[in-house]
Amino acid sequence: PHADNIIVTKPRVPRAMSSKDLAKKINKINQKVVSEESIEQAIKLC
């Protein structure tokens, strides 16, 4: 709720949640969310 824009990505470990699944959850709270699996690309989007 405190974020204006959210970029979702996936940590590089087997236990990580996919960026798409995480984005779906966030979308219920804040619609300004973008999913990007690559951490490098997610940083660029930020």
All heavy atoms as atom14 arrays in JSON, in Angstrom:
{
  "sequence": "PHADNIIVTKPRVPRAMSSKDLAKKINKINQKVVSEESIEQAIKLC",
  "atom14_mask": [
    [1, 1, 1, 1, 1, 1, 1, 0, 0, 0, 0, 0, 0, 0],
    [1, 1, 1, 1, 1, 1, 1, 1, 1, 1, 0, 0, 0, 0],
    [1, 1, 1, 1, 1, 0, 0, 0, 0, 0, 0, 0, 0, 0],
    [1, 1, 1, 1, 1, 1, 1, 1, 0, 0, 0, 0, 0, 0],
    [1, 1, 1, 1, 1, 1, 1, 1, 0, 0, 0, 0, 0, 0],
    [1, 1, 1, 1, 1, 1, 1, 1, 0, 0, 0, 0, 0, 0],
    [1, 1, 1, 1, 1, 1, 1, 1, 0, 0, 0, 0, 0, 0],
    [1, 1, 1, 1, 1, 1, 1, 0, 0, 0, 0, 0, 0, 0],
    [1, 1, 1, 1, 1, 1, 1, 0, 0, 0, 0, 0, 0, 0],
    [1, 1, 1, 1, 1, 1, 1, 1, 1, 0, 0, 0, 0, 0],
    [1, 1, 1, 1, 1, 1, 1, 0, 0, 0, 0, 0, 0, 0],
    [1, 1, 1, 1, 1, 1, 1, 1, 1, 1, 1, 0, 0, 0],
    [1, 1, 1, 1, 1, 1, 1, 0, 0, 0, 0, 0, 0, 0],
    [1, 1, 1, 1, 1, 1, 1, 0, 0, 0, 0, 0, 0, 0],
    [1, 1, 1, 1, 1, 1, 1, 1, 1, 1, 1, 0, 0, 0],
    [1, 1, 1, 1, 1, 0, 0, 0, 0, 0, 0, 0, 0, 0],
    [1, 1, 1, 1, 1, 1, 1, 1, 0, 0, 0, 0, 0, 0],
    [1, 1, 1, 1, 1, 1, 0, 0, 0, 0, 0, 0, 0, 0],
    [1, 1, 1, 1, 1, 1, 0, 0, 0, 0, 0, 0, 0, 0],
    [1, 1, 1, 1, 1, 1, 1, 1, 1, 0, 0, 0, 0, 0],
    [1, 1, 1, 1, 1, 1, 1, 1, 0, 0, 0, 0, 0, 0],
    [1, 1, 1, 1, 1, 1, 1, 1, 0, 0, 0, 0, 0, 0],
    [1, 1, 1, 1, 1, 0, 0, 0, 0, 0, 0, 0, 0, 0],
    [1, 1, 1, 1, 1, 1, 1, 1, 1, 0, 0, 0, 0, 0],
    [1, 1, 1, 1, 1, 1, 1, 1, 1, 0, 0, 0, 0, 0],
    [1, 1, 1, 1, 1, 1, 1, 1, 0, 0, 0, 0, 0, 0],
    [1, 1, 1, 1, 1, 1, 1, 1, 0, 0, 0, 0, 0, 0],
    [1, 1, 1, 1, 1, 1, 1, 1, 1, 0, 0, 0, 0, 0],
    [1, 1, 1, 1, 1, 1, 1, 1, 0, 0, 0, 0, 0, 0],
    [1, 1, 1, 1, 1, 1, 1, 1, 0, 0, 0, 0, 0, 0],
    [1, 1, 1, 1, 1, 1, 1, 1, 1, 0, 0, 0, 0, 0],
    [1, 1, 1, 1, 1, 1, 1, 1, 1, 0, 0, 0, 0, 0],
    [1, 1, 1, 1, 1, 1, 1, 0, 0, 0, 0, 0, 0, 0],
    [1, 1, 1, 1, 1, 1, 1, 0, 0, 0, 0, 0, 0, 0],
    [1, 1, 1, 1, 1, 1, 0, 0, 0, 0, 0, 0, 0, 0],
    [1, 1, 1, 1, 1, 1, 1, 1, 1, 0, 0, 0, 0, 0],
    [1, 1, 1, 1, 1, 1, 1, 1, 1, 0, 0, 0, 0, 0],
    [1, 1, 1, 1, 1, 1, 0, 0, 0, 0, 0, 0, 0, 0],
    [1, 1, 1, 1, 1, 1, 1, 1, 0, 0, 0, 0, 0, 0],
    [1, 1, 1, 1, 1, 1, 1, 1, 1, 0, 0, 0, 0, 0],
    [1, 1, 1, 1, 1, 1, 1, 1, 1, 0, 0, 0, 0, 0],
    [1, 1, 1, 1, 1, 0, 0, 0, 0, 0, 0, 0, 0, 0],
    [1, 1, 1, 1, 1, 1, 1, 1, 0, 0, 0, 0, 0, 0],
    [1, 1, 1, 1, 1, 1, 1, 1, 1, 0, 0, 0, 0, 0],
    [1, 1, 1, 1, 1, 1, 1, 1, 0, 0, 0, 0, 0, 0],
    [1, 1, 1, 1, 1, 1, 0, 0, 0, 0, 0, 0, 0, 0]
  ],
  "atom14_positions": [
    [[0.8, -1.24, 0.0], [0.0, 0.0, 0.0], [0.83, 1.28, 0.0], [0.33, 2.35, -0.35], [-0.82, -0.11, 1.29], [-0.91, -1.58, 1.56], [0.4, -2.13, 1.11], [0.0, 0.0, 0.0], [0.0, 0.0, 0.0], [0.0, 0.0, 0.0], [0.0, 0.0, 0.0], [0.0, 0.0, 0.0], [0.0, 0.0, 0.0], [0.0, 0.0, 0.0]],
    [[2.11, 1.19, 0.36], [2.95, 2.39, 0.45], [3.7, 2.68, -0.85], [4.35, 3.72, -0.97], [3.95, 2.24, 1.6], [3.28, 2.08, 2.93], [2.96, 3.14, 3.74], [2.84, 0.97, 3.57], [2.36, 2.69, 4.84], [2.28, 1.37, 4.76], [0.0, 0.0, 0.0], [0.0, 0.0, 0.0], [0.0, 0.0, 0.0], [0.0, 0.0, 0.0]],
    [[3.61, 1.76, -1.82], [4.36, 1.93, -3.07], [3.5, 2.6, -4.14], [2.3, 2.36, -4.23], [4.84, 0.57, -3.56], [0.0, 0.0, 0.0], [0.0, 0.0, 0.0], [0.0, 0.0, 0.0], [0.0, 0.0, 0.0], [0.0, 0.0, 0.0], [0.0, 0.0, 0.0], [0.0, 0.0, 0.0], [0.0, 0.0, 0.0], [0.0, 0.0, 0.0]],
    [[4.15, 3.43, -4.96], [3.47, 4.06, -6.09], [3.57, 3.21, -7.35], [2.63, 3.13, -8.12], [4.08, 5.45, -6.34], [3.86, 6.38, -5.16], [2.71, 6.79, -4.94], [4.84, 6.66, -4.44], [0.0, 0.0, 0.0], [0.0, 0.0, 0.0], [0.0, 0.0, 0.0], [0.0, 0.0, 0.0], [0.0, 0.0, 0.0], [0.0, 0.0, 0.0]],
    [[4.73, 2.62, -7.55], [4.93, 1.7, -8.69], [5.63, 0.45, -8.17], [6.53, 0.55, -7.32], [5.8, 2.34, -9.78], [5.11, 3.5, -10.43], [5.11, 4.6, -9.89], [4.52, 3.28, -11.6], [0.0, 0.0, 0.0], [0.0, 0.0, 0.0], [0.0, 0.0, 0.0], [0.0, 0.0, 0.0], [0.0, 0.0, 0.0], [0.0, 0.0, 0.0]],
    [[5.24, -0.71, -8.68], [5.83, -1.97, -8.22], [6.33, -2.76, -9.41], [5.59, -3.0, -10.37], [4.8, -2.82, -7.43], [4.25, -2.01, -6.25], [5.44, -4.11, -6.91], [2.77, -1.96, -6.21], [0.0, 0.0, 0.0], [0.0, 0.0, 0.0], [0.0, 0.0, 0.0], [0.0, 0.0, 0.0], [0.0, 0.0, 0.0], [0.0, 0.0, 0.0]],
    [[7.59, -3.16, -9.34], [8.16, -4.07, -10.34], [8.47, -5.38, -9.62], [9.17, -5.4, -8.61], [9.43, -3.49, -11.0], [9.07, -2.33, -11.93], [10.13, -4.57, -11.83], [9.1, -1.0, -11.32], [0.0, 0.0, 0.0], [0.0, 0.0, 0.0], [0.0, 0.0, 0.0], [0.0, 0.0, 0.0], [0.0, 0.0, 0.0], [0.0, 0.0, 0.0]],
    [[7.91, -6.46, -10.13], [8.05, -7.77, -9.5], [9.04, -8.61, -10.28], [9.0, -8.65, -11.51], [6.68, -8.49, -9.46], [6.82, -9.89, -8.91], [5.69, -7.7, -8.61], [0.0, 0.0, 0.0], [0.0, 0.0, 0.0], [0.0, 0.0, 0.0], [0.0, 0.0, 0.0], [0.0, 0.0, 0.0], [0.0, 0.0, 0.0], [0.0, 0.0, 0.0]],
    [[9.94, -9.29, -9.56], [10.9, -10.18, -10.22], [11.05, -11.45, -9.4], [10.34, -11.65, -8.41], [12.25, -9.46, -10.44], [13.06, -10.24, -11.3], [12.97, -9.21, -9.12], [0.0, 0.0, 0.0], [0.0, 0.0, 0.0], [0.0, 0.0, 0.0], [0.0, 0.0, 0.0], [0.0, 0.0, 0.0], [0.0, 0.0, 0.0], [0.0, 0.0, 0.0]],
    [[11.99, -12.31, -9.82], [12.14, -13.62, -9.18], [13.57, -13.82, -8.68], [14.51, -13.8, -9.48], [11.78, -14.72, -10.18], [11.85, -16.13, -9.6], [11.58, -17.17, -10.67], [11.7, -18.58, -10.1], [11.54, -19.61, -11.13], [0.0, 0.0, 0.0], [0.0, 0.0, 0.0], [0.0, 0.0, 0.0], [0.0, 0.0, 0.0], [0.0, 0.0, 0.0]],
    [[13.76, -14.02, -7.37], [15.1, -14.34, -6.86], [15.62, -15.62, -7.51], [14.84, -16.51, -7.87], [14.88, -14.55, -5.35], [13.59, -13.83, -5.05], [12.76, -13.95, -6.29], [0.0, 0.0, 0.0], [0.0, 0.0, 0.0], [0.0, 0.0, 0.0], [0.0, 0.0, 0.0], [0.0, 0.0, 0.0], [0.0, 0.0, 0.0], [0.0, 0.0, 0.0]],
    [[16.94, -15.73, -7.64], [17.54, -16.88, -8.34], [17.8, -18.04, -7.39], [18.95, -18.48, -7.21], [18.82, -16.45, -9.04], [18.55, -15.53, -10.22], [19.84, -15.01, -10.81], [19.58, -14.12, -11.94], [20.32, -13.05, -12.24], [21.36, -12.75, -11.49], [20.03, -12.31, -13.28], [0.0, 0.0, 0.0], [0.0, 0.0, 0.0], [0.0, 0.0, 0.0]],
    [[16.74, -18.54, -6.79], [16.84, -19.73, -5.92], [15.62, -20.61, -6.18], [14.56, -20.11, -6.57], [16.91, -19.35, -4.42], [18.25, -18.76, -4.05], [15.79, -18.41, -4.02], [0.0, 0.0, 0.0], [0.0, 0.0, 0.0], [0.0, 0.0, 0.0], [0.0, 0.0, 0.0], [0.0, 0.0, 0.0], [0.0, 0.0, 0.0], [0.0, 0.0, 0.0]],
    [[15.74, -21.93, -5.97], [14.62, -22.83, -6.25], [13.34, -22.51, -5.48], [12.24, -22.79, -5.96], [15.18, -24.2, -5.85], [16.66, -24.07, -5.93], [16.96, -22.65, -5.57], [0.0, 0.0, 0.0], [0.0, 0.0, 0.0], [0.0, 0.0, 0.0], [0.0, 0.0, 0.0], [0.0, 0.0, 0.0], [0.0, 0.0, 0.0], [0.0, 0.0, 0.0]],
    [[13.48, -21.93, -4.28], [12.31, -21.66, -3.43], [11.56, -20.4, -3.85], [10.55, -20.04, -3.25], [12.74, -21.51, -1.97], [13.23, -22.8, -1.33], [14.18, -22.51, -0.17], [13.62, -21.61, 0.8], [14.36, -20.83, 1.61], [15.68, -20.85, 1.53], [13.78, -20.04, 2.47], [0.0, 0.0, 0.0], [0.0, 0.0, 0.0], [0.0, 0.0, 0.0]],
    [[12.03, -19.71, -4.88], [11.45, -18.42, -5.26], [10.05, -18.57, -5.86], [9.77, -19.53, -6.57], [12.36, -17.71, -6.24], [0.0, 0.0, 0.0], [0.0, 0.0, 0.0], [0.0, 0.0, 0.0], [0.0, 0.0, 0.0], [0.0, 0.0, 0.0], [0.0, 0.0, 0.0], [0.0, 0.0, 0.0], [0.0, 0.0, 0.0], [0.0, 0.0, 0.0]],
    [[9.21, -17.6, -5.58], [7.9, -17.51, -6.22], [8.07, -16.87, -7.59], [8.86, -15.94, -7.74], [6.96, -16.66, -5.34], [5.58, -16.48, -5.92], [4.47, -15.6, -4.77], [3.93, -16.94, -3.74], [0.0, 0.0, 0.0], [0.0, 0.0, 0.0], [0.0, 0.0, 0.0], [0.0, 0.0, 0.0], [0.0, 0.0, 0.0], [0.0, 0.0, 0.0]],
    [[7.36, -17.36, -8.59], [7.48, -16.79, -9.93], [6.97, -15.34, -9.9], [6.1, -14.98, -9.11], [6.68, -17.59, -10.95], [5.3, -17.31, -10.83], [0.0, 0.0, 0.0], [0.0, 0.0, 0.0], [0.0, 0.0, 0.0], [0.0, 0.0, 0.0], [0.0, 0.0, 0.0], [0.0, 0.0, 0.0], [0.0, 0.0, 0.0], [0.0, 0.0, 0.0]],
    [[7.54, -14.52, -10.78], [7.14, -13.11, -10.81], [5.67, -12.97, -11.19], [4.97, -12.09, -10.68], [8.04, -12.33, -11.77], [7.96, -12.86, -13.07], [0.0, 0.0, 0.0], [0.0, 0.0, 0.0], [0.0, 0.0, 0.0], [0.0, 0.0, 0.0], [0.0, 0.0, 0.0], [0.0, 0.0, 0.0], [0.0, 0.0, 0.0], [0.0, 0.0, 0.0]],
    [[5.17, -13.86, -12.04], [3.75, -13.78, -12.45], [2.82, -14.08, -11.28], [1.81, -13.39, -11.07], [3.48, -14.73, -13.62], [4.04, -14.22, -14.93], [3.75, -15.16, -16.08], [4.34, -14.61, -17.38], [4.23, -15.57, -18.48], [0.0, 0.0, 0.0], [0.0, 0.0, 0.0], [0.0, 0.0, 0.0], [0.0, 0.0, 0.0], [0.0, 0.0, 0.0]],
    [[3.14, -15.12, -10.51], [2.3, -15.47, -9.35], [2.32, -14.36, -8.31], [1.29, -14.03, -7.71], [2.79, -16.78, -8.73], [2.44, -17.99, -9.58], [1.62, -17.83, -10.5], [3.0, -19.07, -9.33], [0.0, 0.0, 0.0], [0.0, 0.0, 0.0], [0.0, 0.0, 0.0], [0.0, 0.0, 0.0], [0.0, 0.0, 0.0], [0.0, 0.0, 0.0]],
    [[3.5, -13.78, -8.1], [3.61, -12.69, -7.12], [2.85, -11.45, -7.6], [2.15, -10.79, -6.82], [5.09, -12.36, -6.88], [5.41, -11.37, -5.76], [4.79, -11.79, -4.43], [6.92, -11.2, -5.61], [0.0, 0.0, 0.0], [0.0, 0.0, 0.0], [0.0, 0.0, 0.0], [0.0, 0.0, 0.0], [0.0, 0.0, 0.0], [0.0, 0.0, 0.0]],
    [[2.94, -11.17, -8.9], [2.24, -10.01, -9.46], [0.73, -10.15, -9.31], [0.02, -9.17, -9.04], [2.61, -9.84, -10.93], [0.0, 0.0, 0.0], [0.0, 0.0, 0.0], [0.0, 0.0, 0.0], [0.0, 0.0, 0.0], [0.0, 0.0, 0.0], [0.0, 0.0, 0.0], [0.0, 0.0, 0.0], [0.0, 0.0, 0.0], [0.0, 0.0, 0.0]],
    [[0.22, -11.38, -9.47], [-1.23, -11.61, -9.29], [-1.68, -11.26, -7.88], [-2.73, -10.66, -7.68], [-1.55, -13.09, -9.57], [-1.72, -13.43, -11.03], [-2.05, -14.92, -11.18], [-1.84, -15.38, -12.61], [-1.92, -16.84, -12.73], [0.0, 0.0, 0.0], [0.0, 0.0, 0.0], [0.0, 0.0, 0.0], [0.0, 0.0, 0.0], [0.0, 0.0, 0.0]],
    [[-0.88, -11.64, -6.91], [-1.21, -11.34, -5.51], [-1.19, -9.83, -5.26], [-2.07, -9.27, -4.61], [-0.22, -12.03, -4.57], [-0.43, -13.53, -4.42], [0.6, -14.13, -3.48], [0.33, -15.61, -3.21], [-0.88, -15.84, -2.41], [0.0, 0.0, 0.0], [0.0, 0.0, 0.0], [0.0, 0.0, 0.0], [0.0, 0.0, 0.0], [0.0, 0.0, 0.0]],
    [[-0.15, -9.18, -5.79], [0.0, -7.73, -5.58], [-1.11, -6.95, -6.27], [-1.6, -5.94, -5.75], [1.4, -7.27, -6.08], [2.47, -7.85, -5.15], [1.48, -5.74, -6.12], [3.88, -7.64, -5.62], [0.0, 0.0, 0.0], [0.0, 0.0, 0.0], [0.0, 0.0, 0.0], [0.0, 0.0, 0.0], [0.0, 0.0, 0.0], [0.0, 0.0, 0.0]],
    [[-1.55, -7.44, -7.42], [-2.57, -6.76, -8.21], [-3.88, -6.57, -7.43], [-4.64, -5.64, -7.67], [-2.82, -7.54, -9.5], [-3.57, -6.71, -10.52], [-3.17, -5.6, -10.83], [-4.67, -7.24, -11.01], [0.0, 0.0, 0.0], [0.0, 0.0, 0.0], [0.0, 0.0, 0.0], [0.0, 0.0, 0.0], [0.0, 0.0, 0.0], [0.0, 0.0, 0.0]],
    [[-4.12, -7.45, -6.46], [-5.32, -7.31, -5.63], [-5.23, -6.12, -4.67], [-6.23, -5.62, -4.18], [-5.53, -8.59, -4.8], [-5.84, -9.84, -5.64], [-5.82, -11.08, -4.77], [-5.93, -12.33, -5.63], [-5.72, -13.56, -4.85], [0.0, 0.0, 0.0], [0.0, 0.0, 0.0], [0.0, 0.0, 0.0], [0.0, 0.0, 0.0], [0.0, 0.0, 0.0]],
    [[-3.99, -5.67, -4.41], [-3.78, -4.55, -3.48], [-3.47, -3.26, -4.23], [-3.92, -2.17, -3.88], [-2.61, -4.86, -2.51], [-2.8, -6.22, -1.85], [-2.46, -3.77, -1.44], [-1.56, -6.74, -1.12], [0.0, 0.0, 0.0], [0.0, 0.0, 0.0], [0.0, 0.0, 0.0], [0.0, 0.0, 0.0], [0.0, 0.0, 0.0], [0.0, 0.0, 0.0]],
    [[-2.67, -3.39, -5.28], [-2.21, -2.22, -6.02], [-2.04, -2.61, -7.49], [-1.28, -3.53, -7.81], [-0.87, -1.73, -5.43], [-0.41, -0.41, -6.02], [-0.65, -0.1, -7.18], [0.29, 0.37, -5.2], [0.0, 0.0, 0.0], [0.0, 0.0, 0.0], [0.0, 0.0, 0.0], [0.0, 0.0, 0.0], [0.0, 0.0, 0.0], [0.0, 0.0, 0.0]],
    [[-2.77, -1.93, -8.38], [-2.78, -2.32, -9.8], [-1.55, -1.82, -10.57], [-1.32, -2.23, -11.71], [-4.04, -1.81, -10.5], [-5.28, -2.67, -10.25], [-5.83, -2.47, -8.84], [-6.07, -1.34, -8.43], [-6.03, -3.55, -8.1], [0.0, 0.0, 0.0], [0.0, 0.0, 0.0], [0.0, 0.0, 0.0], [0.0, 0.0, 0.0], [0.0, 0.0, 0.0]],
    [[-0.75, -0.95, -9.95], [0.43, -0.41, -10.66], [1.6, -1.37, -10.53], [2.65, -1.03, -9.97], [0.78, 0.97, -10.11], [-0.21, 2.05, -10.5], [0.31, 3.42, -10.13], [-0.64, 4.51, -10.58], [-0.2, 5.85, -10.17], [0.0, 0.0, 0.0], [0.0, 0.0, 0.0], [0.0, 0.0, 0.0], [0.0, 0.0, 0.0], [0.0, 0.0, 0.0]],
    [[1.4, -2.56, -11.06], [2.41, -3.61, -10.91], [2.81, -4.15, -12.28], [1.97, -4.36, -13.15], [1.91, -4.74, -9.97], [0.62, -5.35, -10.47], [2.97, -5.81, -9.79], [0.0, 0.0, 0.0], [0.0, 0.0, 0.0], [0.0, 0.0, 0.0], [0.0, 0.0, 0.0], [0.0, 0.0, 0.0], [0.0, 0.0, 0.0], [0.0, 0.0, 0.0]],
    [[4.13, -4.37, -12.44], [4.68, -4.92, -13.68], [5.52, -6.13, -13.3], [6.28, -6.09, -12.34], [5.56, -3.88, -14.42], [6.2, -4.5, -15.65], [4.75, -2.65, -14.78], [0.0, 0.0, 0.0], [0.0, 0.0, 0.0], [0.0, 0.0, 0.0], [0.0, 0.0, 0.0], [0.0, 0.0, 0.0], [0.0, 0.0, 0.0], [0.0, 0.0, 0.0]],
    [[5.38, -7.22, -14.08], [6.13, -8.44, -13.81], [7.3, -8.57, -14.78], [7.14, -8.38, -15.98], [5.19, -9.65, -13.94], [5.93, -10.85, -13.95], [0.0, 0.0, 0.0], [0.0, 0.0, 0.0], [0.0, 0.0, 0.0], [0.0, 0.0, 0.0], [0.0, 0.0, 0.0], [0.0, 0.0, 0.0], [0.0, 0.0, 0.0], [0.0, 0.0, 0.0]],
    [[8.48, -8.89, -14.24], [9.67, -9.09, -15.07], [10.56, -10.13, -14.39], [11.15, -9.88, -13.35], [10.44, -7.76, -15.24], [11.75, -7.88, -15.98], [11.63, -8.6, -17.31], [11.02, -8.05, -18.25], [12.15, -9.73, -17.41], [0.0, 0.0, 0.0], [0.0, 0.0, 0.0], [0.0, 0.0, 0.0], [0.0, 0.0, 0.0], [0.0, 0.0, 0.0]],
    [[10.61, -11.33, -14.99], [11.35, -12.45, -14.39], [12.85, -12.16, -14.25], [13.48, -12.55, -13.27], [11.14, -13.71, -15.24], [11.42, -15.01, -14.52], [10.21, -15.59, -13.79], [9.23, -14.86, -13.54], [10.27, -16.76, -13.45], [0.0, 0.0, 0.0], [0.0, 0.0, 0.0], [0.0, 0.0, 0.0], [0.0, 0.0, 0.0], [0.0, 0.0, 0.0]],
    [[13.42, -11.46, -15.21], [14.86, -11.15, -15.19], [15.14, -10.01, -14.2], [14.56, -8.93, -14.3], [15.32, -10.75, -16.59], [16.48, -9.97, -16.54], [0.0, 0.0, 0.0], [0.0, 0.0, 0.0], [0.0, 0.0, 0.0], [0.0, 0.0, 0.0], [0.0, 0.0, 0.0], [0.0, 0.0, 0.0], [0.0, 0.0, 0.0], [0.0, 0.0, 0.0]],
    [[16.06, -10.25, -13.27], [16.41, -9.21, -12.28], [17.05, -8.02, -12.98], [16.77, -6.86, -12.64], [17.33, -9.79, -11.18], [16.6, -10.89, -10.4], [17.79, -8.69, -10.23], [17.44, -11.63, -9.38], [0.0, 0.0, 0.0], [0.0, 0.0, 0.0], [0.0, 0.0, 0.0], [0.0, 0.0, 0.0], [0.0, 0.0, 0.0], [0.0, 0.0, 0.0]],
    [[17.9, -8.29, -13.98], [18.55, -7.19, -14.72], [17.52, -6.28, -15.38], [17.6, -5.04, -15.28], [19.5, -7.74, -15.8], [20.73, -8.44, -15.28], [20.54, -9.92, -15.0], [19.37, -10.38, -14.91], [21.55, -10.62, -14.87], [0.0, 0.0, 0.0], [0.0, 0.0, 0.0], [0.0, 0.0, 0.0], [0.0, 0.0, 0.0], [0.0, 0.0, 0.0]],
    [[16.53, -6.9, -16.03], [15.49, -6.11, -16.69], [14.61, -5.39, -15.68], [14.14, -4.27, -15.92], [14.64, -7.02, -17.59], [15.32, -7.45, -18.87], [15.75, -6.25, -19.72], [14.98, -5.33, -19.98], [17.01, -6.24, -20.12], [0.0, 0.0, 0.0], [0.0, 0.0, 0.0], [0.0, 0.0, 0.0], [0.0, 0.0, 0.0], [0.0, 0.0, 0.0]],
    [[14.36, -6.04, -14.55], [13.54, -5.41, -13.5], [14.21, -4.15, -12.96], [13.56, -3.12, -12.74], [13.29, -6.41, -12.37], [0.0, 0.0, 0.0], [0.0, 0.0, 0.0], [0.0, 0.0, 0.0], [0.0, 0.0, 0.0], [0.0, 0.0, 0.0], [0.0, 0.0, 0.0], [0.0, 0.0, 0.0], [0.0, 0.0, 0.0], [0.0, 0.0, 0.0]],
    [[15.53, -4.21, -12.79], [16.28, -3.03, -12.34], [16.17, -1.92, -13.39], [15.96, -0.75, -13.06], [17.76, -3.39, -12.07], [17.87, -4.31, -10.84], [18.6, -2.12, -11.86], [19.24, -4.91, -10.64], [0.0, 0.0, 0.0], [0.0, 0.0, 0.0], [0.0, 0.0, 0.0], [0.0, 0.0, 0.0], [0.0, 0.0, 0.0], [0.0, 0.0, 0.0]],
    [[16.31, -2.3, -14.67], [16.2, -1.31, -15.76], [14.83, -0.63, -15.73], [14.72, 0.59, -15.89], [16.43, -1.99, -17.1], [16.41, -1.01, -18.28], [16.65, -1.71, -19.6], [16.66, -0.71, -20.75], [15.39, 0.04, -20.86], [0.0, 0.0, 0.0], [0.0, 0.0, 0.0], [0.0, 0.0, 0.0], [0.0, 0.0, 0.0], [0.0, 0.0, 0.0]],
    [[13.76, -1.42, -15.49], [12.41, -0.85, -15.41], [12.3, 0.15, -14.26], [11.67, 1.2, -14.39], [11.37, -1.96, -15.24], [11.07, -2.82, -16.46], [10.11, -3.95, -16.08], [10.47, -1.99, -17.59], [0.0, 0.0, 0.0], [0.0, 0.0, 0.0], [0.0, 0.0, 0.0], [0.0, 0.0, 0.0], [0.0, 0.0, 0.0], [0.0, 0.0, 0.0]],
    [[12.91, -0.17, -13.13], [12.91, 0.75, -11.99], [13.59, 2.06, -12.36], [13.08, 3.15, -12.06], [13.64, 0.13, -10.8], [12.78, -1.22, -10.0], [0.0, 0.0, 0.0], [0.0, 0.0, 0.0], [0.0, 0.0, 0.0], [0.0, 0.0, 0.0], [0.0, 0.0, 0.0], [0.0, 0.0, 0.0], [0.0, 0.0, 0.0], [0.0, 0.0, 0.0]]
  ]
}
